């Protein structure tokens, strides 16, 4: 039924956020639709970055009800790499099945790394 998945995130500064997702996280810029929307390719997911203008942007640049997770094989190595790019982590959780650590993109959207034990 489904062939792929995508999520769209609103951002305040498109250029800064694209730089974070491509240079800091190492994801690939998939395409630019116009001056307000780009797509970033992540393994198994396309992330749309949408810059809204005016009052709509001020109200929606941060989503507290959504997060994007990235599965990694070596959590400590991924943390070390991203810290070297200035990423700050919070809320480290070690559960029975997985380890999870959260961080934020430049707009405050929650992202996380997850690794199976």
PDB file of N, CA and C in Angstrom:
ATOM      1  N   UNK A   1       0.817  -1.186   0.000  1.00  0.00           N
ATOM      2  CA  UNK A   1       0.000   0.000   0.000  1.00  0.00           C
ATOM      3  C   UNK A   1       0.869   1.262   0.000  1.00  0.00           C
ATOM      4  N   UNK A   2       1.745   1.449   0.986  1.00  0.00           N
ATOM      5  CA  UNK A   2       2.618   2.618   1.041  1.00  0.00           C
ATOM      6  C   UNK A   2       3.931   2.283   0.349  1.00  0.00           C
ATOM      7  N   UNK A   3       4.491   3.259  -0.338  1.00  0.00           N
ATOM      8  CA  UNK A   3       5.763   3.036  -1.018  1.00  0.00           C
ATOM      9  C   UNK A   3       6.917   3.805  -0.396  1.00  0.00           C
ATOM     10  N   UNK A   4       6.618   4.838   0.368  1.00  0.00           N
ATOM     11  CA  UNK A   4       7.660   5.609   1.043  1.00  0.00           C
ATOM     12  C   UNK A   4       7.003   6.448   2.127  1.00  0.00           C
ATOM     13  N   UNK A   5       7.838   7.206   2.851  1.00  0.00           N
ATOM     14  CA  UNK A   5       7.309   8.055   3.918  1.00  0.00           C
ATOM     15  C   UNK A   5       8.013   9.404   3.884  1.00  0.00           C
ATOM     16  N   UNK A   6       7.285  10.440   4.302  1.00  0.00           N
ATOM     17  CA  UNK A   6       7.900  11.755   4.427  1.00  0.00           C
ATOM     18  C   UNK A   6       7.227  12.510   5.556  1.00  0.00           C
ATOM     19  N   UNK A   7       7.934  13.489   6.038  1.00  0.00           N
ATOM     20  CA  UNK A   7       7.426  14.376   7.081  1.00  0.00           C
ATOM     21  C   UNK A   7       7.836  15.790   6.686  1.00  0.00           C
ATOM     22  N   UNK A   8       6.989  16.763   6.972  1.00  0.00           N
ATOM     23  CA  UNK A   8       7.319  18.154   6.684  1.00  0.00           C
ATOM     24  C   UNK A   8       7.415  18.920   7.996  1.00  0.00           C
ATOM     25  N   UNK A   9       8.488  19.675   8.126  1.00  0.00           N
ATOM     26  CA  UNK A   9       8.775  20.442   9.333  1.00  0.00           C
ATOM     27  C   UNK A   9       8.833  21.915   8.943  1.00  0.00           C
ATOM     28  N   UNK A  10       8.156  22.770   9.694  1.00  0.00           N
ATOM     29  CA  UNK A  10       8.253  24.203   9.423  1.00  0.00           C
ATOM     30  C   UNK A  10       9.499  24.762  10.103  1.00  0.00           C
ATOM     31  N   UNK A  11      10.149  25.684   9.413  1.00  0.00           N
ATOM     32  CA  UNK A  11      11.407  26.242   9.904  1.00  0.00           C
ATOM     33  C   UNK A  11      11.388  27.761   9.788  1.00  0.00           C
ATOM     34  N   UNK A  12      12.139  28.421  10.653  1.00  0.00           N
ATOM     35  CA  UNK A  12      12.217  29.881  10.646  1.00  0.00           C
ATOM     36  C   UNK A  12      13.248  30.390   9.645  1.00  0.00           C
ATOM     37  N   UNK A  13      14.370  29.682   9.514  1.00  0.00           N
ATOM     38  CA  UNK A  13      15.464  30.095   8.636  1.00  0.00           C
ATOM     39  C   UNK A  13      15.833  28.896   7.771  1.00  0.00           C
ATOM     40  N   UNK A  14      15.334  28.873   6.547  1.00  0.00           N
ATOM     41  CA  UNK A  14      15.509  27.712   5.676  1.00  0.00           C
ATOM     42  C   UNK A  14      16.978  27.422   5.395  1.00  0.00           C
ATOM     43  N   UNK A  15      17.755  28.437   5.081  1.00  0.00           N
ATOM     44  CA  UNK A  15      19.168  28.233   4.751  1.00  0.00           C
ATOM     45  C   UNK A  15      19.924  27.616   5.936  1.00  0.00           C
ATOM     46  N   UNK A  16      19.726  28.160   7.114  1.00  0.00           N
ATOM     47  CA  UNK A  16      20.403  27.661   8.319  1.00  0.00           C
ATOM     48  C   UNK A  16      19.992  26.221   8.621  1.00  0.00           C
ATOM     49  N   UNK A  17      18.711  25.910   8.462  1.00  0.00           N
ATOM     50  CA  UNK A  17      18.229  24.571   8.773  1.00  0.00           C
ATOM     51  C   UNK A  17      18.689  23.564   7.728  1.00  0.00           C
ATOM     52  N   UNK A  18      18.705  23.937   6.459  1.00  0.00           N
ATOM     53  CA  UNK A  18      19.237  23.050   5.415  1.00  0.00           C
ATOM     54  C   UNK A  18      20.702  22.747   5.704  1.00  0.00           C
ATOM     55  N   UNK A  19      21.460  23.756   6.092  1.00  0.00           N
ATOM     56  CA  UNK A  19      22.871  23.562   6.421  1.00  0.00           C
ATOM     57  C   UNK A  19      23.019  22.577   7.581  1.00  0.00           C
ATOM     58  N   UNK A  20      22.171  22.680   8.594  1.00  0.00           N
ATOM     59  CA  UNK A  20      22.221  21.766   9.734  1.00  0.00           C
ATOM     60  C   UNK A  20      21.950  20.332   9.295  1.00  0.00           C
ATOM     61  N   UNK A  21      20.884  20.119   8.539  1.00  0.00           N
ATOM     62  CA  UNK A  21      20.518  18.759   8.136  1.00  0.00           C
ATOM     63  C   UNK A  21      21.533  18.151   7.162  1.00  0.00           C
ATOM     64  N   UNK A  22      22.127  18.970   6.289  1.00  0.00           N
ATOM     65  CA  UNK A  22      23.075  18.426   5.317  1.00  0.00           C
ATOM     66  C   UNK A  22      24.503  18.378   5.852  1.00  0.00           C
ATOM     67  N   UNK A  23      25.001  19.467   6.402  1.00  0.00           N
ATOM     68  CA  UNK A  23      26.392  19.504   6.844  1.00  0.00           C
ATOM     69  C   UNK A  23      26.587  18.887   8.222  1.00  0.00           C
ATOM     70  N   UNK A  24      25.726  19.186   9.165  1.00  0.00           N
ATOM     71  CA  UNK A  24      25.886  18.660  10.521  1.00  0.00           C
ATOM     72  C   UNK A  24      25.458  17.204  10.608  1.00  0.00           C
ATOM     73  N   UNK A  25      24.264  16.898  10.082  1.00  0.00           N
ATOM     74  CA  UNK A  25      23.763  15.523  10.162  1.00  0.00           C
ATOM     75  C   UNK A  25      24.236  14.645   9.006  1.00  0.00           C
ATOM     76  N   UNK A  26      24.744  15.245   7.949  1.00  0.00           N
ATOM     77  CA  UNK A  26      25.263  14.474   6.824  1.00  0.00           C
ATOM     78  C   UNK A  26      24.195  13.904   5.902  1.00  0.00           C
ATOM     79  N   UNK A  27      23.002  14.480   5.930  1.00  0.00           N
ATOM     80  CA  UNK A  27      21.930  14.013   5.057  1.00  0.00           C
ATOM     81  C   UNK A  27      22.035  14.708   3.701  1.00  0.00           C
ATOM     82  N   UNK A  28      21.351  14.164   2.704  1.00  0.00           N
ATOM     83  CA  UNK A  28      21.475  14.646   1.329  1.00  0.00           C
ATOM     84  C   UNK A  28      20.317  15.571   0.955  1.00  0.00           C
ATOM     85  N   UNK A  29      20.666  16.697   0.329  1.00  0.00           N
ATOM     86  CA  UNK A  29      19.651  17.588  -0.220  1.00  0.00           C
ATOM     87  C   UNK A  29      19.057  16.905  -1.441  1.00  0.00           C
ATOM     88  N   UNK A  30      17.769  16.597  -1.384  1.00  0.00           N
ATOM     89  CA  UNK A  30      17.117  15.855  -2.459  1.00  0.00           C
ATOM     90  C   UNK A  30      16.584  16.784  -3.543  1.00  0.00           C
ATOM     91  N   UNK A  31      16.077  17.929  -3.146  1.00  0.00           N
ATOM     92  CA  UNK A  31      15.549  18.850  -4.142  1.00  0.00           C
ATOM     93  C   UNK A  31      14.982  20.102  -3.518  1.00  0.00           C
ATOM     94  N   UNK A  32      14.938  21.153  -4.338  1.00  0.00           N
ATOM     95  CA  UNK A  32      14.361  22.425  -3.919  1.00  0.00           C
ATOM     96  C   UNK A  32      13.157  22.695  -4.801  1.00  0.00           C
ATOM     97  N   UNK A  33      12.000  22.860  -4.182  1.00  0.00           N
ATOM     98  CA  UNK A  33      10.792  23.112  -4.972  1.00  0.00           C
ATOM     99  C   UNK A  33      10.640  24.598  -5.284  1.00  0.00           C
ATOM    100  N   UNK A  34      11.013  25.444  -4.346  1.00  0.00           N
ATOM    101  CA  UNK A  34      10.980  26.891  -4.529  1.00  0.00           C
ATOM    102  C   UNK A  34      11.794  27.515  -3.405  1.00  0.00           C
ATOM    103  N   UNK A  35      11.651  28.810  -3.196  1.00  0.00           N
ATOM    104  CA  UNK A  35      12.418  29.500  -2.155  1.00  0.00           C
ATOM    105  C   UNK A  35      11.965  29.154  -0.744  1.00  0.00           C
ATOM    106  N   UNK A  36      10.868  28.411  -0.614  1.00  0.00           N
ATOM    107  CA  UNK A  36      10.293  28.151   0.702  1.00  0.00           C
ATOM    108  C   UNK A  36      10.247  26.680   1.090  1.00  0.00           C
ATOM    109  N   UNK A  37      10.653  25.774   0.179  1.00  0.00           N
ATOM    110  CA  UNK A  37      10.520  24.344   0.484  1.00  0.00           C
ATOM    111  C   UNK A  37      11.648  23.546  -0.142  1.00  0.00           C
ATOM    112  N   UNK A  38      12.294  22.723   0.680  1.00  0.00           N
ATOM    113  CA  UNK A  38      13.312  21.794   0.182  1.00  0.00           C
ATOM    114  C   UNK A  38      13.038  20.417   0.773  1.00  0.00           C
ATOM    115  N   UNK A  39      13.594  19.407   0.118  1.00  0.00           N
ATOM    116  CA  UNK A  39      13.478  18.050   0.631  1.00  0.00           C
ATOM    117  C   UNK A  39      14.865  17.517   0.956  1.00  0.00           C
ATOM    118  N   UNK A  40      14.963  16.887   2.117  1.00  0.00           N
ATOM    119  CA  UNK A  40      16.195  16.280   2.598  1.00  0.00           C
ATOM    120  C   UNK A  40      15.983  14.772   2.620  1.00  0.00           C
ATOM    121  N   UNK A  41      16.958  14.042   2.114  1.00  0.00           N
ATOM    122  CA  UNK A  41      16.857  12.587   2.069  1.00  0.00           C
ATOM    123  C   UNK A  41      17.555  11.964   3.272  1.00  0.00           C
ATOM    124  N   UNK A  42      16.788  11.225   4.055  1.00  0.00           N
ATOM    125  CA  UNK A  42      17.315  10.445   5.172  1.00  0.00           C
ATOM    126  C   UNK A  42      17.029   8.981   4.855  1.00  0.00           C
ATOM    127  N   UNK A  43      17.771   8.046   5.440  1.00  0.00           N
ATOM    128  CA  UNK A  43      17.495   6.635   5.173  1.00  0.00           C
ATOM    129  C   UNK A  43      16.037   6.283   5.508  1.00  0.00           C
ATOM    130  N   UNK A  44      15.276   5.900   4.489  1.00  0.00           N
ATOM    131  CA  UNK A  44      13.895   5.482   4.694  1.00  0.00           C
ATOM    132  C   UNK A  44      12.894   6.596   4.905  1.00  0.00           C
ATOM    133  N   UNK A  45      13.326   7.860   4.773  1.00  0.00           N
ATOM    134  CA  UNK A  45      12.420   8.976   5.045  1.00  0.00           C
ATOM    135  C   UNK A  45      12.863  10.221   4.279  1.00  0.00           C
ATOM    136  N   UNK A  46      11.901  10.929   3.727  1.00  0.00           N
ATOM    137  CA  UNK A  46      12.170  12.235   3.145  1.00  0.00           C
ATOM    138  C   UNK A  46      11.659  13.285   4.124  1.00  0.00           C
ATOM    139  N   UNK A  47      12.514  14.255   4.437  1.00  0.00           N
ATOM    140  CA  UNK A  47      12.153  15.334   5.354  1.00  0.00           C
ATOM    141  C   UNK A  47      11.963  16.604   4.533  1.00  0.00           C
ATOM    142  N   UNK A  48      10.757  17.137   4.560  1.00  0.00           N
ATOM    143  CA  UNK A  48      10.487  18.407   3.903  1.00  0.00           C
ATOM    144  C   UNK A  48      10.716  19.537   4.890  1.00  0.00           C
ATOM    145  N   UNK A  49      11.425  20.558   4.462  1.00  0.00           N
ATOM    146  CA  UNK A  49      11.648  21.745   5.292  1.00  0.00           C
ATOM    147  C   UNK A  49      10.884  22.895   4.648  1.00  0.00           C
ATOM    148  N   UNK A  50       9.911  23.422   5.371  1.00  0.00           N
ATOM    149  CA  UNK A  50       9.015  24.443   4.846  1.00  0.00           C
ATOM    150  C   UNK A  50       9.183  25.739   5.624  1.00  0.00           C
ATOM    151  N   UNK A  51       9.521  26.796   4.901  1.00  0.00           N
ATOM    152  CA  UNK A  51       9.636  28.123   5.508  1.00  0.00           C
ATOM    153  C   UNK A  51       8.362  28.895   5.209  1.00  0.00           C
ATOM    154  N   UNK A  52       7.581  29.146   6.234  1.00  0.00           N
ATOM    155  CA  UNK A  52       6.377  29.959   6.094  1.00  0.00           C
ATOM    156  C   UNK A  52       6.748  31.407   6.341  1.00  0.00           C
ATOM    157  N   UNK A  53       6.032  32.300   5.726  1.00  0.00           N
ATOM    158  CA  UNK A  53       6.354  33.717   5.871  1.00  0.00           C
ATOM    159  C   UNK A  53       5.371  34.415   6.800  1.00  0.00           C
ATOM    160  N   UNK A  54       5.790  35.543   7.299  1.00  0.00           N
ATOM    161  CA  UNK A  54       4.935  36.389   8.120  1.00  0.00           C
ATOM    162  C   UNK A  54       4.505  35.753   9.422  1.00  0.00           C
ATOM    163  N   UNK A  55       3.291  36.042   9.819  1.00  0.00           N
ATOM    164  CA  UNK A  55       2.747  35.579  11.097  1.00  0.00           C
ATOM    165  C   UNK A  55       2.669  34.062  11.168  1.00  0.00           C
ATOM    166  N   UNK A  56       2.395  33.408  10.058  1.00  0.00           N
ATOM    167  CA  UNK A  56       2.312  31.938  10.049  1.00  0.00           C
ATOM    168  C   UNK A  56       3.642  31.316  10.471  1.00  0.00           C
ATOM    169  N   UNK A  57       4.757  31.908  10.050  1.00  0.00           N
ATOM    170  CA  UNK A  57       6.054  31.365  10.419  1.00  0.00           C
ATOM    171  C   UNK A  57       6.317  31.547  11.903  1.00  0.00           C
ATOM    172  N   UNK A  58       6.007  32.694  12.432  1.00  0.00           N
ATOM    173  CA  UNK A  58       6.251  32.960  13.852  1.00  0.00           C
ATOM    174  C   UNK A  58       5.480  31.992  14.737  1.00  0.00           C
ATOM    175  N   UNK A  59       4.318  31.576  14.297  1.00  0.00           N
ATOM    176  CA  UNK A  59       3.487  30.683  15.097  1.00  0.00           C
ATOM    177  C   UNK A  59       3.853  29.214  14.944  1.00  0.00           C
ATOM    178  N   UNK A  60       4.523  28.848  13.857  1.00  0.00           N
ATOM    179  CA  UNK A  60       4.681  27.422  13.592  1.00  0.00           C
ATOM    180  C   UNK A  60       6.105  26.956  13.357  1.00  0.00           C
ATOM    181  N   UNK A  61       7.093  27.753  13.694  1.00  0.00           N
ATOM    182  CA  UNK A  61       8.472  27.371  13.407  1.00  0.00           C
ATOM    183  C   UNK A  61       8.995  26.273  14.321  1.00  0.00           C
ATOM    184  N   UNK A  62       8.296  25.949  15.371  1.00  0.00           N
ATOM    185  CA  UNK A  62       8.748  24.895  16.278  1.00  0.00           C
ATOM    186  C   UNK A  62       7.589  23.947  16.564  1.00  0.00           C
ATOM    187  N   UNK A  63       7.852  22.671  16.368  1.00  0.00           N
ATOM    188  CA  UNK A  63       6.821  21.673  16.653  1.00  0.00           C
ATOM    189  C   UNK A  63       7.207  20.896  17.896  1.00  0.00           C
ATOM    190  N   UNK A  64       6.398  21.001  18.932  1.00  0.00           N
ATOM    191  CA  UNK A  64       6.680  20.276  20.165  1.00  0.00           C
ATOM    192  C   UNK A  64       5.945  18.940  20.218  1.00  0.00           C
ATOM    193  N   UNK A  65       5.121  18.673  19.223  1.00  0.00           N
ATOM    194  CA  UNK A  65       4.338  17.442  19.241  1.00  0.00           C
ATOM    195  C   UNK A  65       4.866  16.400  18.270  1.00  0.00           C
ATOM    196  N   UNK A  66       6.029  16.637  17.679  1.00  0.00           N
ATOM    197  CA  UNK A  66       6.584  15.753  16.682  1.00  0.00           C
ATOM    198  C   UNK A  66       8.077  15.619  16.912  1.00  0.00           C
ATOM    199  N   UNK A  67       8.615  14.459  16.614  1.00  0.00           N
ATOM    200  CA  UNK A  67      10.064  14.282  16.654  1.00  0.00           C
ATOM    201  C   UNK A  67      10.467  13.336  15.533  1.00  0.00           C
ATOM    202  N   UNK A  68      11.719  13.447  15.110  1.00  0.00           N
ATOM    203  CA  UNK A  68      12.258  12.595  14.053  1.00  0.00           C
ATOM    204  C   UNK A  68      13.407  11.804  14.645  1.00  0.00           C
ATOM    205  N   UNK A  69      13.372  10.490  14.485  1.00  0.00           N
ATOM    206  CA  UNK A  69      14.415   9.627  15.021  1.00  0.00           C
ATOM    207  C   UNK A  69      15.303   9.059  13.936  1.00  0.00           C
ATOM    208  N   UNK A  70      16.566   8.896  14.276  1.00  0.00           N
ATOM    209  CA  UNK A  70      17.548   8.308  13.374  1.00  0.00           C
ATOM    210  C   UNK A  70      18.158   7.097  14.066  1.00  0.00           C
ATOM    211  N   UNK A  71      18.042   5.934  13.450  1.00  0.00           N
ATOM    212  CA  UNK A  71      18.601   4.705  14.004  1.00  0.00           C
ATOM    213  C   UNK A  71      20.083   4.656  13.653  1.00  0.00           C
ATOM    214  N   UNK A  72      20.912   4.388  14.658  1.00  0.00           N
ATOM    215  CA  UNK A  72      22.360   4.284  14.461  1.00  0.00           C
ATOM    216  C   UNK A  72      22.858   2.960  15.022  1.00  0.00           C
ATOM    217  N   UNK A  73      23.953   2.461  14.469  1.00  0.00           N
ATOM    218  CA  UNK A  73      24.539   1.222  14.977  1.00  0.00           C
ATOM    219  C   UNK A  73      25.370   1.467  16.223  1.00  0.00           C
ATOM    220  N   UNK A  74      26.108   2.572  16.236  1.00  0.00           N
ATOM    221  CA  UNK A  74      26.994   2.888  17.354  1.00  0.00           C
ATOM    222  C   UNK A  74      26.598   4.251  17.915  1.00  0.00           C
ATOM    223  N   UNK A  75      25.810   4.240  18.966  1.00  0.00           N
ATOM    224  CA  UNK A  75      25.273   5.474  19.533  1.00  0.00           C
ATOM    225  C   UNK A  75      26.379   6.403  20.018  1.00  0.00           C
ATOM    226  N   UNK A  76      27.350   5.867  20.738  1.00  0.00           N
ATOM    227  CA  UNK A  76      28.424   6.713  21.280  1.00  0.00           C
ATOM    228  C   UNK A  76      29.232   7.376  20.169  1.00  0.00           C
ATOM    229  N   UNK A  77      29.505   6.642  19.088  1.00  0.00           N
ATOM    230  CA  UNK A  77      30.246   7.221  17.963  1.00  0.00           C
ATOM    231  C   UNK A  77      29.430   8.326  17.292  1.00  0.00           C
ATOM    232  N   UNK A  78      28.129   8.104  17.139  1.00  0.00           N
ATOM    233  CA  UNK A  78      27.265   9.116  16.527  1.00  0.00           C
ATOM    234  C   UNK A  78      27.203  10.369  17.396  1.00  0.00           C
ATOM    235  N   UNK A  79      27.090  10.181  18.702  1.00  0.00           N
ATOM    236  CA  UNK A  79      27.072  11.320  19.622  1.00  0.00           C
ATOM    237  C   UNK A  79      28.376  12.106  19.511  1.00  0.00           C
ATOM    238  N   UNK A  80      29.486  11.407  19.507  1.00  0.00           N
ATOM    239  CA  UNK A  80      30.798  12.056  19.421  1.00  0.00           C
ATOM    240  C   UNK A  80      30.924  12.868  18.125  1.00  0.00           C
ATOM    241  N   UNK A  81      30.503  12.276  17.014  1.00  0.00           N
ATOM    242  CA  UNK A  81      30.576  12.963  15.726  1.00  0.00           C
ATOM    243  C   UNK A  81      29.717  14.219  15.725  1.00  0.00           C
ATOM    244  N   UNK A  82      28.486  14.095  16.188  1.00  0.00           N
ATOM    245  CA  UNK A  82      27.592  15.254  16.174  1.00  0.00           C
ATOM    246  C   UNK A  82      28.017  16.320  17.181  1.00  0.00           C
ATOM    247  N   UNK A  83      28.567  15.909  18.327  1.00  0.00           N
ATOM    248  CA  UNK A  83      29.090  16.896  19.286  1.00  0.00           C
ATOM    249  C   UNK A  83      30.215  17.713  18.663  1.00  0.00           C
ATOM    250  N   UNK A  84      31.028  17.072  17.809  1.00  0.00           N
ATOM    251  CA  UNK A  84      32.125  17.792  17.157  1.00  0.00           C
ATOM    252  C   UNK A  84      31.602  18.854  16.189  1.00  0.00           C
ATOM    253  N   UNK A  85      30.334  18.753  15.813  1.00  0.00           N
ATOM    254  CA  UNK A  85      29.679  19.754  14.962  1.00  0.00           C
ATOM    255  C   UNK A  85      28.829  20.722  15.777  1.00  0.00           C
ATOM    256  N   UNK A  86      28.954  20.668  17.106  1.00  0.00           N
ATOM    257  CA  UNK A  86      28.255  21.611  17.967  1.00  0.00           C
ATOM    258  C   UNK A  86      26.873  21.196  18.438  1.00  0.00           C
ATOM    259  N   UNK A  87      26.470  19.961  18.158  1.00  0.00           N
ATOM    260  CA  UNK A  87      25.149  19.499  18.601  1.00  0.00           C
ATOM    261  C   UNK A  87      25.175  19.264  20.104  1.00  0.00           C
ATOM    262  N   UNK A  88      24.145  19.739  20.784  1.00  0.00           N
ATOM    263  CA  UNK A  88      24.013  19.537  22.233  1.00  0.00           C
ATOM    264  C   UNK A  88      22.897  18.529  22.471  1.00  0.00           C
ATOM    265  N   UNK A  89      23.181  17.541  23.293  1.00  0.00           N
ATOM    266  CA  UNK A  89      22.236  16.459  23.559  1.00  0.00           C
ATOM    267  C   UNK A  89      21.570  16.630  24.916  1.00  0.00           C
ATOM    268  N   UNK A  90      20.383  16.043  25.057  1.00  0.00           N
ATOM    269  CA  UNK A  90      19.648  16.055  26.325  1.00  0.00           C
ATOM    270  C   UNK A  90      18.774  14.807  26.386  1.00  0.00           C
ATOM    271  N   UNK A  91      18.263  14.509  27.525  1.00  0.00           N
ATOM    272  CA  UNK A  91      17.320  13.400  27.732  1.00  0.00           C
ATOM    273  C   UNK A  91      17.842  12.058  27.216  1.00  0.00           C
ATOM    274  N   UNK A  92      18.946  11.613  27.782  1.00  0.00           N
ATOM    275  CA  UNK A  92      19.484  10.293  27.452  1.00  0.00           C
ATOM    276  C   UNK A  92      18.660   9.247  28.201  1.00  0.00           C
ATOM    277  N   UNK A  93      18.113   8.285  27.460  1.00  0.00           N
ATOM    278  CA  UNK A  93      17.267   7.247  28.052  1.00  0.00           C
ATOM    279  C   UNK A  93      17.823   5.883  27.676  1.00  0.00           C
ATOM    280  N   UNK A  94      18.050   5.055  28.679  1.00  0.00           N
ATOM    281  CA  UNK A  94      18.493   3.689  28.411  1.00  0.00           C
ATOM    282  C   UNK A  94      17.390   2.745  28.861  1.00  0.00           C
ATOM    283  N   UNK A  95      16.726   2.152  27.888  1.00  0.00           N
ATOM    284  CA  UNK A  95      15.642   1.223  28.168  1.00  0.00           C
ATOM    285  C   UNK A  95      16.092  -0.214  27.998  1.00  0.00           C
ATOM    286  N   UNK A  96      15.167  -1.123  28.176  1.00  0.00           N
ATOM    287  CA  UNK A  96      15.481  -2.546  28.027  1.00  0.00           C
ATOM    288  C   UNK A  96      15.828  -2.906  26.589  1.00  0.00           C
ATOM    289  N   UNK A  97      15.157  -2.280  25.635  1.00  0.00           N
ATOM    290  CA  UNK A  97      15.345  -2.646  24.230  1.00  0.00           C
ATOM    291  C   UNK A  97      16.240  -1.688  23.451  1.00  0.00           C
ATOM    292  N   UNK A  98      16.400  -0.462  23.935  1.00  0.00           N
ATOM    293  CA  UNK A  98      17.142   0.523  23.150  1.00  0.00           C
ATOM    294  C   UNK A  98      17.671   1.649  24.026  1.00  0.00           C
ATOM    295  N   UNK A  99      18.630   2.386  23.451  1.00  0.00           N
ATOM    296  CA  UNK A  99      19.147   3.610  24.051  1.00  0.00           C
ATOM    297  C   UNK A  99      18.712   4.762  23.148  1.00  0.00           C
ATOM    298  N   UNK A 100      18.290   5.848  23.750  1.00  0.00           N
ATOM    299  CA  UNK A 100      17.812   7.001  22.990  1.00  0.00           C
ATOM    300  C   UNK A 100      18.420   8.267  23.582  1.00  0.00           C
ATOM    301  N   UNK A 101      18.839   9.180  22.710  1.00  0.00           N
ATOM    302  CA  UNK A 101      19.314  10.481  23.158  1.00  0.00           C
ATOM    303  C   UNK A 101      18.709  11.545  22.237  1.00  0.00           C
ATOM    304  N   UNK A 102      18.220  12.617  22.836  1.00  0.00           N
ATOM    305  CA  UNK A 102      17.525  13.670  22.098  1.00  0.00           C
ATOM    306  C   UNK A 102      18.424  14.882  21.863  1.00  0.00           C
ATOM    307  N   UNK A 103      18.114  15.602  20.795  1.00  0.00           N
ATOM    308  CA  UNK A 103      18.756  16.876  20.487  1.00  0.00           C
ATOM    309  C   UNK A 103      17.780  17.685  19.652  1.00  0.00           C
ATOM    310  N   UNK A 104      18.148  18.911  19.311  1.00  0.00           N
ATOM    311  CA  UNK A 104      17.235  19.779  18.575  1.00  0.00           C
ATOM    312  C   UNK A 104      17.886  20.335  17.327  1.00  0.00           C
ATOM    313  N   UNK A 105      17.055  20.597  16.322  1.00  0.00           N
ATOM    314  CA  UNK A 105      17.554  21.288  15.140  1.00  0.00           C
ATOM    315  C   UNK A 105      17.558  22.793  15.441  1.00  0.00           C
ATOM    316  N   UNK A 106      18.034  23.632  14.521  1.00  0.00           N
ATOM    317  CA  UNK A 106      18.109  25.071  14.811  1.00  0.00           C
ATOM    318  C   UNK A 106      16.775  25.724  15.163  1.00  0.00           C
ATOM    319  N   UNK A 107      15.660  25.100  14.793  1.00  0.00           N
ATOM    320  CA  UNK A 107      14.343  25.657  15.094  1.00  0.00           C
ATOM    321  C   UNK A 107      13.742  25.095  16.369  1.00  0.00           C
ATOM    322  N   UNK A 108      14.493  24.239  17.067  1.00  0.00           N
ATOM    323  CA  UNK A 108      14.001  23.659  18.307  1.00  0.00           C
ATOM    324  C   UNK A 108      13.186  22.398  18.121  1.00  0.00           C
ATOM    325  N   UNK A 109      13.060  21.913  16.875  1.00  0.00           N
ATOM    326  CA  UNK A 109      12.355  20.661  16.638  1.00  0.00           C
ATOM    327  C   UNK A 109      13.150  19.512  17.243  1.00  0.00           C
ATOM    328  N   UNK A 110      12.463  18.587  17.879  1.00  0.00           N
ATOM    329  CA  UNK A 110      13.131  17.482  18.561  1.00  0.00           C
ATOM    330  C   UNK A 110      13.535  16.396  17.577  1.00  0.00           C
ATOM    331  N   UNK A 111      14.800  16.022  17.658  1.00  0.00           N
ATOM    332  CA  UNK A 111      15.355  14.904  16.902  1.00  0.00           C
ATOM    333  C   UNK A 111      15.940  13.945  17.916  1.00  0.00           C
ATOM    334  N   UNK A 112      16.121  12.691  17.523  1.00  0.00           N
ATOM    335  CA  UNK A 112      16.760  11.763  18.448  1.00  0.00           C
ATOM    336  C   UNK A 112      17.514  10.680  17.704  1.00  0.00           C
ATOM    337  N   UNK A 113      18.505  10.148  18.392  1.00  0.00           N
ATOM    338  CA  UNK A 113      19.247   8.982  17.926  1.00  0.00           C
ATOM    339  C   UNK A 113      18.777   7.801  18.745  1.00  0.00           C
ATOM    340  N   UNK A 114      18.646   6.656  18.116  1.00  0.00           N
ATOM    341  CA  UNK A 114      18.246   5.444  18.830  1.00  0.00           C
ATOM    342  C   UNK A 114      19.134   4.297  18.372  1.00  0.00           C
ATOM    343  N   UNK A 115      19.527   3.479  19.334  1.00  0.00           N
ATOM    344  CA  UNK A 115      20.364   2.320  19.052  1.00  0.00           C
ATOM    345  C   UNK A 115      19.840   1.131  19.835  1.00  0.00           C
ATOM    346  N   UNK A 116      19.708  -0.002  19.162  1.00  0.00           N
ATOM    347  CA  UNK A 116      19.349  -1.239  19.858  1.00  0.00           C
ATOM    348  C   UNK A 116      20.510  -1.654  20.745  1.00  0.00           C
ATOM    349  N   UNK A 117      20.200  -2.358  21.817  1.00  0.00           N
ATOM    350  CA  UNK A 117      21.276  -2.863  22.687  1.00  0.00           C
ATOM    351  C   UNK A 117      22.039  -3.957  21.994  1.00  0.00           C
TER     352      UNK A 117
END
